[in-house]
Amino acid sequence: MDAQPFQLPIFLDLSAVFLMALTGVIEAIRREFDIIGLCVLALATGVGGALIRDGVFLHSGVPAVLSDDRYLMVVAAAAVIGLAFGTRAVLSERLIAWVDAAALGAYAVVGVEKSLGLGLGFAPAVLVGVVNACGGGVLRDLFTGERPMVFKPGQFYAFAALIGCLVYIPLRLHTAAPPLLAALAAIVVTFGLRVLAITRNWTTAPVRERGLLSTKGRKHKKHR
């Protein structure tokens, strides 16, 4: 299942880094971190998924976030913008979820495309895509002393990233759709599923319960 070489537009990757870093900034403000803590959390959240992808799974040389200054520049921009406007939204968990949703699909697609470009198969590419999408959020939760949201029952998060990856690969490999169009379609599907999960409170359920998915409202509001 070899994919024709294709380089996703850099703006997709940079946009995902910026949005993820912004969620880290907002969370740091909510928790009253100092400026160093805020910058560290923004960096870990923004580029954590990419560092895990390149350093742990793909071993493709120096990680992109270290070889291209633009990644660190967009993290810095997220910190500045978050400091300027984030204090107005420090109590809004939903805002973080919506910003996160906008980044989730882009990061998933970038992870899948880089995996396909290195010749990985379907399942490994999906794994890398989901890890790429969720890795920054996991680091954000760990750095703030929370159990990572992807391990807890809640509104679709990792599940939405998984669906995005499963949409992208068939479009990319088995249709005549331009790669960029396939990427945008997967991003829209991921974002749409996340938004529906947030607005309709679609949730996963603990495995000890009879069903693994639920469309009924639950008391917790964490996102999975």
C-alpha atoms as a PDB file:
ATOM      1  CA  MET A   1       0.000   0.000   0.000  1.00  0.00           C
ATOM      2  CA  ASP A   2       2.572   2.529  -1.142  1.00  0.00           C
ATOM      3  CA  ALA A   3       1.451   6.139  -1.274  1.00  0.00           C
ATOM      4  CA  GLN A   4       2.712   8.506  -3.928  1.00  0.00           C
ATOM      5  CA  PRO A   5       5.089  11.027  -2.326  1.00  0.00           C
ATOM      6  CA  PHE A   6       3.169  14.060  -1.089  1.00  0.00           C
ATOM      7  CA  GLN A   7       4.084  16.839   1.305  1.00  0.00           C
ATOM      8  CA  LEU A   8       1.143  18.239   3.224  1.00  0.00           C
ATOM      9  CA  PRO A   9       1.100  22.040   3.277  1.00  0.00           C
ATOM     10  CA  ILE A  10       3.125  23.251   6.249  1.00  0.00           C
ATOM     11  CA  PHE A  11       0.259  25.483   7.353  1.00  0.00           C
ATOM     12  CA  LEU A  12      -1.713  22.399   8.450  1.00  0.00           C
ATOM     13  CA  ASP A  13       1.052  21.288  10.792  1.00  0.00           C
ATOM     14  CA  LEU A  14       1.773  24.796  12.067  1.00  0.00           C
ATOM     15  CA  SER A  15      -1.921  25.490  12.653  1.00  0.00           C
ATOM     16  CA  ALA A  16      -2.241  22.313  14.710  1.00  0.00           C
ATOM     17  CA  VAL A  17       0.838  23.234  16.764  1.00  0.00           C
ATOM     18  CA  PHE A  18      -0.487  26.744  17.360  1.00  0.00           C
ATOM     19  CA  LEU A  19      -3.938  25.587  18.451  1.00  0.00           C
ATOM     20  CA  MET A  20      -2.600  22.847  20.714  1.00  0.00           C
ATOM     21  CA  ALA A  21      -0.115  25.258  22.278  1.00  0.00           C
ATOM     22  CA  LEU A  22      -2.965  27.704  22.862  1.00  0.00           C
ATOM     23  CA  THR A  23      -4.860  25.097  24.894  1.00  0.00           C
ATOM     24  CA  GLY A  24      -1.734  24.668  27.026  1.00  0.00           C
ATOM     25  CA  VAL A  25      -1.538  28.448  27.557  1.00  0.00           C
ATOM     26  CA  ILE A  26      -5.189  28.681  28.590  1.00  0.00           C
ATOM     27  CA  GLU A  27      -4.784  25.746  30.966  1.00  0.00           C
ATOM     28  CA  ALA A  28      -1.660  27.347  32.478  1.00  0.00           C
ATOM     29  CA  ILE A  29      -3.556  30.601  33.055  1.00  0.00           C
ATOM     30  CA  ARG A  30      -6.452  28.733  34.652  1.00  0.00           C
ATOM     31  CA  ARG A  31      -4.034  27.029  37.035  1.00  0.00           C
ATOM     32  CA  GLU A  32      -2.169  30.271  37.801  1.00  0.00           C
ATOM     33  CA  PHE A  33       1.214  29.105  36.483  1.00  0.00           C
ATOM     34  CA  ASP A  34       4.047  31.634  36.265  1.00  0.00           C
ATOM     35  CA  ILE A  35       5.454  32.698  32.898  1.00  0.00           C
ATOM     36  CA  ILE A  36       8.021  29.872  32.809  1.00  0.00           C
ATOM     37  CA  GLY A  37       5.389  27.266  33.602  1.00  0.00           C
ATOM     38  CA  LEU A  38       3.098  28.745  30.966  1.00  0.00           C
ATOM     39  CA  CYS A  39       5.792  28.586  28.285  1.00  0.00           C
ATOM     40  CA  VAL A  40       6.768  25.034  29.204  1.00  0.00           C
ATOM     41  CA  LEU A  41       3.157  23.863  29.106  1.00  0.00           C
ATOM     42  CA  ALA A  42       2.556  25.622  25.778  1.00  0.00           C
ATOM     43  CA  LEU A  43       5.656  23.964  24.302  1.00  0.00           C
ATOM     44  CA  ALA A  44       4.852  20.500  25.636  1.00  0.00           C
ATOM     45  CA  THR A  45       1.253  20.689  24.465  1.00  0.00           C
ATOM     46  CA  GLY A  46       2.018  22.223  21.098  1.00  0.00           C
ATOM     47  CA  VAL A  47       4.864  19.991  19.939  1.00  0.00           C
ATOM     48  CA  GLY A  48       4.602  17.004  22.289  1.00  0.00           C
ATOM     49  CA  GLY A  49       2.706  14.853  19.816  1.00  0.00           C
ATOM     50  CA  ALA A  50       5.181  15.631  17.035  1.00  0.00           C
ATOM     51  CA  LEU A  51       8.184  14.853  19.247  1.00  0.00           C
ATOM     52  CA  ILE A  52       6.675  11.504  20.236  1.00  0.00           C
ATOM     53  CA  ARG A  53       5.881  10.786  16.587  1.00  0.00           C
ATOM     54  CA  ASP A  54       9.349  11.579  15.248  1.00  0.00           C
ATOM     55  CA  GLY A  55      11.439  10.480  18.219  1.00  0.00           C
ATOM     56  CA  VAL A  56       9.663   7.303  19.312  1.00  0.00           C
ATOM     57  CA  PHE A  57       7.855   5.918  16.273  1.00  0.00           C
ATOM     58  CA  LEU A  58       9.373   7.189  13.025  1.00  0.00           C
ATOM     59  CA  HIS A  59      13.064   7.778  13.891  1.00  0.00           C
ATOM     60  CA  SER A  60      13.255  10.018  10.833  1.00  0.00           C
ATOM     61  CA  GLY A  61      16.213  12.120  11.945  1.00  0.00           C
ATOM     62  CA  VAL A  62      16.030  15.406  13.804  1.00  0.00           C
ATOM     63  CA  PRO A  63      12.362  16.068  14.710  1.00  0.00           C
ATOM     64  CA  ALA A  64      10.694  18.607  12.446  1.00  0.00           C
ATOM     65  CA  VAL A  65       9.878  20.858  15.387  1.00  0.00           C
ATOM     66  CA  LEU A  66      13.617  21.244  16.090  1.00  0.00           C
ATOM     67  CA  SER A  67      14.814  21.601  12.512  1.00  0.00           C
ATOM     68  CA  ASP A  68      12.307  24.277  11.485  1.00  0.00           C
ATOM     69  CA  ASP A  69      12.165  27.490  13.525  1.00  0.00           C
ATOM     70  CA  ARG A  70       8.559  28.113  12.511  1.00  0.00           C
ATOM     71  CA  TYR A  71       7.277  25.526  14.973  1.00  0.00           C
ATOM     72  CA  LEU A  72       8.789  27.269  17.972  1.00  0.00           C
ATOM     73  CA  MET A  73       7.680  30.618  16.578  1.00  0.00           C
ATOM     74  CA  VAL A  74       4.027  29.572  16.476  1.00  0.00           C
ATOM     75  CA  VAL A  75       4.305  28.231  20.039  1.00  0.00           C
ATOM     76  CA  ALA A  76       5.644  31.631  21.085  1.00  0.00           C
ATOM     77  CA  ALA A  77       2.809  33.333  19.195  1.00  0.00           C
ATOM     78  CA  ALA A  78       0.274  31.153  21.018  1.00  0.00           C
ATOM     79  CA  ALA A  79       1.828  32.155  24.357  1.00  0.00           C
ATOM     80  CA  VAL A  80       1.635  35.850  23.508  1.00  0.00           C
ATOM     81  CA  ILE A  81      -1.938  35.674  22.220  1.00  0.00           C
ATOM     82  CA  GLY A  82      -2.994  33.523  25.151  1.00  0.00           C
ATOM     83  CA  LEU A  83      -1.511  36.010  27.624  1.00  0.00           C
ATOM     84  CA  ALA A  84      -3.290  38.855  25.852  1.00  0.00           C
ATOM     85  CA  PHE A  85      -6.729  37.275  25.643  1.00  0.00           C
ATOM     86  CA  GLY A  86      -6.700  34.031  27.629  1.00  0.00           C
ATOM     87  CA  THR A  87      -7.609  35.570  30.969  1.00  0.00           C
ATOM     88  CA  ARG A  88     -11.097  36.172  29.629  1.00  0.00           C
ATOM     89  CA  ALA A  89     -11.601  32.457  29.108  1.00  0.00           C
ATOM     90  CA  VAL A  90      -9.822  30.819  32.028  1.00  0.00           C
ATOM     91  CA  LEU A  91     -13.026  29.313  33.368  1.00  0.00           C
ATOM     92  CA  SER A  92     -14.134  27.884  30.027  1.00  0.00           C
ATOM     93  CA  GLU A  93     -13.322  24.190  29.673  1.00  0.00           C
ATOM     94  CA  ARG A  94     -15.482  24.171  26.551  1.00  0.00           C
ATOM     95  CA  LEU A  95     -13.238  26.763  24.884  1.00  0.00           C
ATOM     96  CA  ILE A  96     -10.220  24.508  25.391  1.00  0.00           C
ATOM     97  CA  ALA A  97     -12.211  21.595  23.960  1.00  0.00           C
ATOM     98  CA  TRP A  98     -13.209  23.560  20.851  1.00  0.00           C
ATOM     99  CA  VAL A  99      -9.684  24.811  20.203  1.00  0.00           C
ATOM    100  CA  ASP A 100      -8.396  21.278  20.754  1.00  0.00           C
ATOM    101  CA  ALA A 101     -10.964  19.962  18.288  1.00  0.00           C
ATOM    102  CA  ALA A 102      -9.694  22.307  15.588  1.00  0.00           C
ATOM    103  CA  ALA A 103      -6.155  20.919  15.990  1.00  0.00           C
ATOM    104  CA  LEU A 104      -7.033  17.252  16.417  1.00  0.00           C
ATOM    105  CA  GLY A 105      -7.807  16.368  12.811  1.00  0.00           C
ATOM    106  CA  ALA A 106      -4.843  18.255  11.366  1.00  0.00           C
ATOM    107  CA  TYR A 107      -2.403  16.560  13.710  1.00  0.00           C
ATOM    108  CA  ALA A 108      -3.926  13.131  12.988  1.00  0.00           C
ATOM    109  CA  VAL A 109      -3.599  13.625   9.221  1.00  0.00           C
ATOM    110  CA  VAL A 110      -0.015  14.886   9.490  1.00  0.00           C
ATOM    111  CA  GLY A 111       0.971  11.827  11.541  1.00  0.00           C
ATOM    112  CA  VAL A 112      -0.642   9.433   9.076  1.00  0.00           C
ATOM    113  CA  GLU A 113       0.899  11.109   6.026  1.00  0.00           C
ATOM    114  CA  LYS A 114       4.412  11.083   7.491  1.00  0.00           C
ATOM    115  CA  SER A 115       3.968   7.383   8.318  1.00  0.00           C
ATOM    116  CA  LEU A 116       2.758   6.504   4.825  1.00  0.00           C
ATOM    117  CA  GLY A 117       5.661   8.456   3.359  1.00  0.00           C
ATOM    118  CA  LEU A 118       8.057   6.178   5.240  1.00  0.00           C
ATOM    119  CA  GLY A 119       6.316   3.085   3.922  1.00  0.00           C
ATOM    120  CA  LEU A 120       4.400   2.054   7.034  1.00  0.00           C
ATOM    121  CA  GLY A 121       1.264  -0.032   6.646  1.00  0.00           C
ATOM    122  CA  PHE A 122      -2.350   0.775   7.488  1.00  0.00           C
ATOM    123  CA  ALA A 123      -2.393  -0.121  11.195  1.00  0.00           C
ATOM    124  CA  PRO A 124       0.962   1.489  12.114  1.00  0.00           C
ATOM    125  CA  ALA A 125       0.004   4.655  10.235  1.00  0.00           C
ATOM    126  CA  VAL A 126      -3.265   4.874  12.162  1.00  0.00           C
ATOM    127  CA  LEU A 127      -1.429   4.332  15.452  1.00  0.00           C
ATOM    128  CA  VAL A 128       1.063   7.099  14.697  1.00  0.00           C
ATOM    129  CA  GLY A 129      -1.732   9.423  13.579  1.00  0.00           C
ATOM    130  CA  VAL A 130      -3.692   8.955  16.810  1.00  0.00           C
ATOM    131  CA  VAL A 131      -0.576   9.345  18.965  1.00  0.00           C
ATOM    132  CA  ASN A 132       0.414  12.453  17.012  1.00  0.00           C
ATOM    133  CA  ALA A 133      -3.053  13.927  17.602  1.00  0.00           C
ATOM    134  CA  CYS A 134      -3.336  13.049  21.297  1.00  0.00           C
ATOM    135  CA  GLY A 135       0.275  13.196  22.505  1.00  0.00           C
ATOM    136  CA  GLY A 136       0.306  16.909  23.291  1.00  0.00           C
ATOM    137  CA  GLY A 137      -2.909  16.650  25.282  1.00  0.00           C
ATOM    138  CA  VAL A 138      -1.504  13.720  27.261  1.00  0.00           C
ATOM    139  CA  LEU A 139       1.605  15.729  28.172  1.00  0.00           C
ATOM    140  CA  ARG A 140      -0.554  18.725  29.089  1.00  0.00           C
ATOM    141  CA  ASP A 141      -2.567  16.599  31.511  1.00  0.00           C
ATOM    142  CA  LEU A 142       0.503  14.930  33.007  1.00  0.00           C
ATOM    143  CA  PHE A 143       2.259  18.267  33.535  1.00  0.00           C
ATOM    144  CA  THR A 144      -0.794  19.650  35.326  1.00  0.00           C
ATOM    145  CA  GLY A 145      -1.208  16.602  37.566  1.00  0.00           C
ATOM    146  CA  GLU A 146      -4.289  15.246  35.826  1.00  0.00           C
ATOM    147  CA  ARG A 147      -4.945  11.700  34.722  1.00  0.00           C
ATOM    148  CA  PRO A 148      -4.775  11.982  30.905  1.00  0.00           C
ATOM    149  CA  MET A 149      -8.209  12.529  29.422  1.00  0.00           C
ATOM    150  CA  VAL A 150      -7.630   9.866  26.759  1.00  0.00           C
ATOM    151  CA  PHE A 151      -7.604   7.204  29.497  1.00  0.00           C
ATOM    152  CA  LYS A 152     -10.881   8.287  31.079  1.00  0.00           C
ATOM    153  CA  PRO A 153     -14.515   7.937  30.000  1.00  0.00           C
ATOM    154  CA  GLY A 154     -15.767  11.120  28.409  1.00  0.00           C
ATOM    155  CA  GLN A 155     -16.616  12.926  25.206  1.00  0.00           C
ATOM    156  CA  PHE A 156     -14.951  11.488  22.088  1.00  0.00           C
ATOM    157  CA  TYR A 157     -11.324  12.583  21.757  1.00  0.00           C
ATOM    158  CA  ALA A 158      -8.967   9.792  20.793  1.00  0.00           C
ATOM    159  CA  PHE A 159     -11.958   8.153  19.121  1.00  0.00           C
ATOM    160  CA  ALA A 160     -12.469  11.223  16.919  1.00  0.00           C
ATOM    161  CA  ALA A 161      -8.784  11.185  15.944  1.00  0.00           C
ATOM    162  CA  LEU A 162      -9.066   7.490  15.120  1.00  0.00           C
ATOM    163  CA  ILE A 163     -12.039   8.096  12.821  1.00  0.00           C
ATOM    164  CA  GLY A 164     -10.144  10.902  11.111  1.00  0.00           C
ATOM    165  CA  CYS A 165      -7.226   8.555  10.403  1.00  0.00           C
ATOM    166  CA  LEU A 166      -9.570   5.846   9.115  1.00  0.00           C
ATOM    167  CA  VAL A 167     -11.192   8.360   6.766  1.00  0.00           C
ATOM    168  CA  TYR A 168      -7.911   9.744   5.446  1.00  0.00           C
ATOM    169  CA  ILE A 169      -6.082   6.547   4.530  1.00  0.00           C
ATOM    170  CA  PRO A 170      -8.685   5.073   2.125  1.00  0.00           C
ATOM    171  CA  LEU A 171      -9.186   8.461   0.478  1.00  0.00           C
ATOM    172  CA  ARG A 172      -5.439   8.897   0.162  1.00  0.00           C
ATOM    173  CA  LEU A 173      -4.607   5.430  -1.152  1.00  0.00           C
ATOM    174  CA  HIS A 174      -7.676   4.111  -2.924  1.00  0.00           C
ATOM    175  CA  THR A 175      -9.361   7.090  -4.601  1.00  0.00           C
ATOM    176  CA  ALA A 176      -8.399   9.652  -7.191  1.00  0.00           C
ATOM    177  CA  ALA A 177      -9.028  12.476  -4.735  1.00  0.00           C
ATOM    178  CA  PRO A 178      -6.155  14.978  -4.511  1.00  0.00           C
ATOM    179  CA  PRO A 179      -4.164  14.364  -1.307  1.00  0.00           C
ATOM    180  CA  LEU A 180      -4.927  17.840   0.039  1.00  0.00           C
ATOM    181  CA  LEU A 181      -8.660  17.285  -0.488  1.00  0.00           C
ATOM    182  CA  ALA A 182      -8.414  13.937   1.314  1.00  0.00           C
ATOM    183  CA  ALA A 183      -6.611  15.657   4.185  1.00  0.00           C
ATOM    184  CA  LEU A 184      -9.215  18.413   4.450  1.00  0.00           C
ATOM    185  CA  ALA A 185     -12.042  15.862   4.356  1.00  0.00           C
ATOM    186  CA  ALA A 186     -10.491  13.896   7.237  1.00  0.00           C
ATOM    187  CA  ILE A 187      -9.927  17.095   9.231  1.00  0.00           C
ATOM    188  CA  VAL A 188     -13.547  18.170   8.739  1.00  0.00           C
ATOM    189  CA  VAL A 189     -14.837  14.730   9.778  1.00  0.00           C
ATOM    190  CA  THR A 190     -12.664  14.729  12.912  1.00  0.00           C
ATOM    191  CA  PHE A 191     -13.666  18.260  13.853  1.00  0.00           C
ATOM    192  CA  GLY A 192     -17.338  17.561  13.167  1.00  0.00           C
ATOM    193  CA  LEU A 193     -17.350  14.430  15.307  1.00  0.00           C
ATOM    194  CA  ARG A 194     -15.610  16.281  18.144  1.00  0.00           C
ATOM    195  CA  VAL A 195     -18.068  19.176  17.946  1.00  0.00           C
ATOM    196  CA  LEU A 196     -21.048  16.819  17.961  1.00  0.00           C
ATOM    197  CA  ALA A 197     -19.590  14.984  20.959  1.00  0.00           C
ATOM    198  CA  ILE A 198     -19.160  18.303  22.792  1.00  0.00           C
ATOM    199  CA  THR A 199     -22.553  19.786  21.926  1.00  0.00           C
ATOM    200  CA  ARG A 200     -24.567  16.568  22.287  1.00  0.00           C
ATOM    201  CA  ASN A 201     -22.421  15.123  25.077  1.00  0.00           C
ATOM    202  CA  TRP A 202     -21.705  11.850  23.308  1.00  0.00           C
ATOM    203  CA  THR A 203     -19.420   9.904  25.597  1.00  0.00           C
ATOM    204  CA  THR A 204     -17.494   6.721  26.043  1.00  0.00           C
ATOM    205  CA  ALA A 205     -18.322   4.573  29.061  1.00  0.00           C
ATOM    206  CA  PRO A 206     -16.185   2.623  31.553  1.00  0.00           C
ATOM    207  CA  VAL A 207     -15.464  -0.885  30.279  1.00  0.00           C
ATOM    208  CA  ARG A 208     -17.156  -2.419  33.306  1.00  0.00           C
ATOM    209  CA  GLU A 209     -20.462  -1.036  32.063  1.00  0.00           C
ATOM    210  CA  ARG A 210     -22.491  -2.927  29.500  1.00  0.00           C
ATOM    211  CA  GLY A 211     -21.961  -0.458  26.671  1.00  0.00           C
ATOM    212  CA  LEU A 212     -18.700   1.150  25.637  1.00  0.00           C
ATOM    213  CA  LEU A 213     -20.306   4.197  24.028  1.00  0.00           C
ATOM    214  CA  SER A 214     -23.135   6.385  25.251  1.00  0.00           C
ATOM    215  CA  THR A 215     -25.160   9.217  23.742  1.00  0.00           C
ATOM    216  CA  LYS A 216     -26.749  10.079  27.078  1.00  0.00           C
ATOM    217  CA  GLY A 217     -25.551  12.917  29.264  1.00  0.00           C
ATOM    218  CA  ARG A 218     -23.137  11.942  31.996  1.00  0.00           C
ATOM    219  CA  LYS A 219     -22.074  13.770  35.109  1.00  0.00           C
ATOM    220  CA  HIS A 220     -18.427  14.102  34.079  1.00  0.00           C
ATOM    221  CA  LYS A 221     -17.370  16.555  31.425  1.00  0.00           C
ATOM    222  CA  LYS A 222     -13.905  15.339  30.608  1.00  0.00           C
ATOM    223  CA  HIS A 223     -13.126  14.548  27.001  1.00  0.00           C
ATOM    224  CA  ARG A 224     -11.817  11.352  25.597  1.00  0.00           C
END
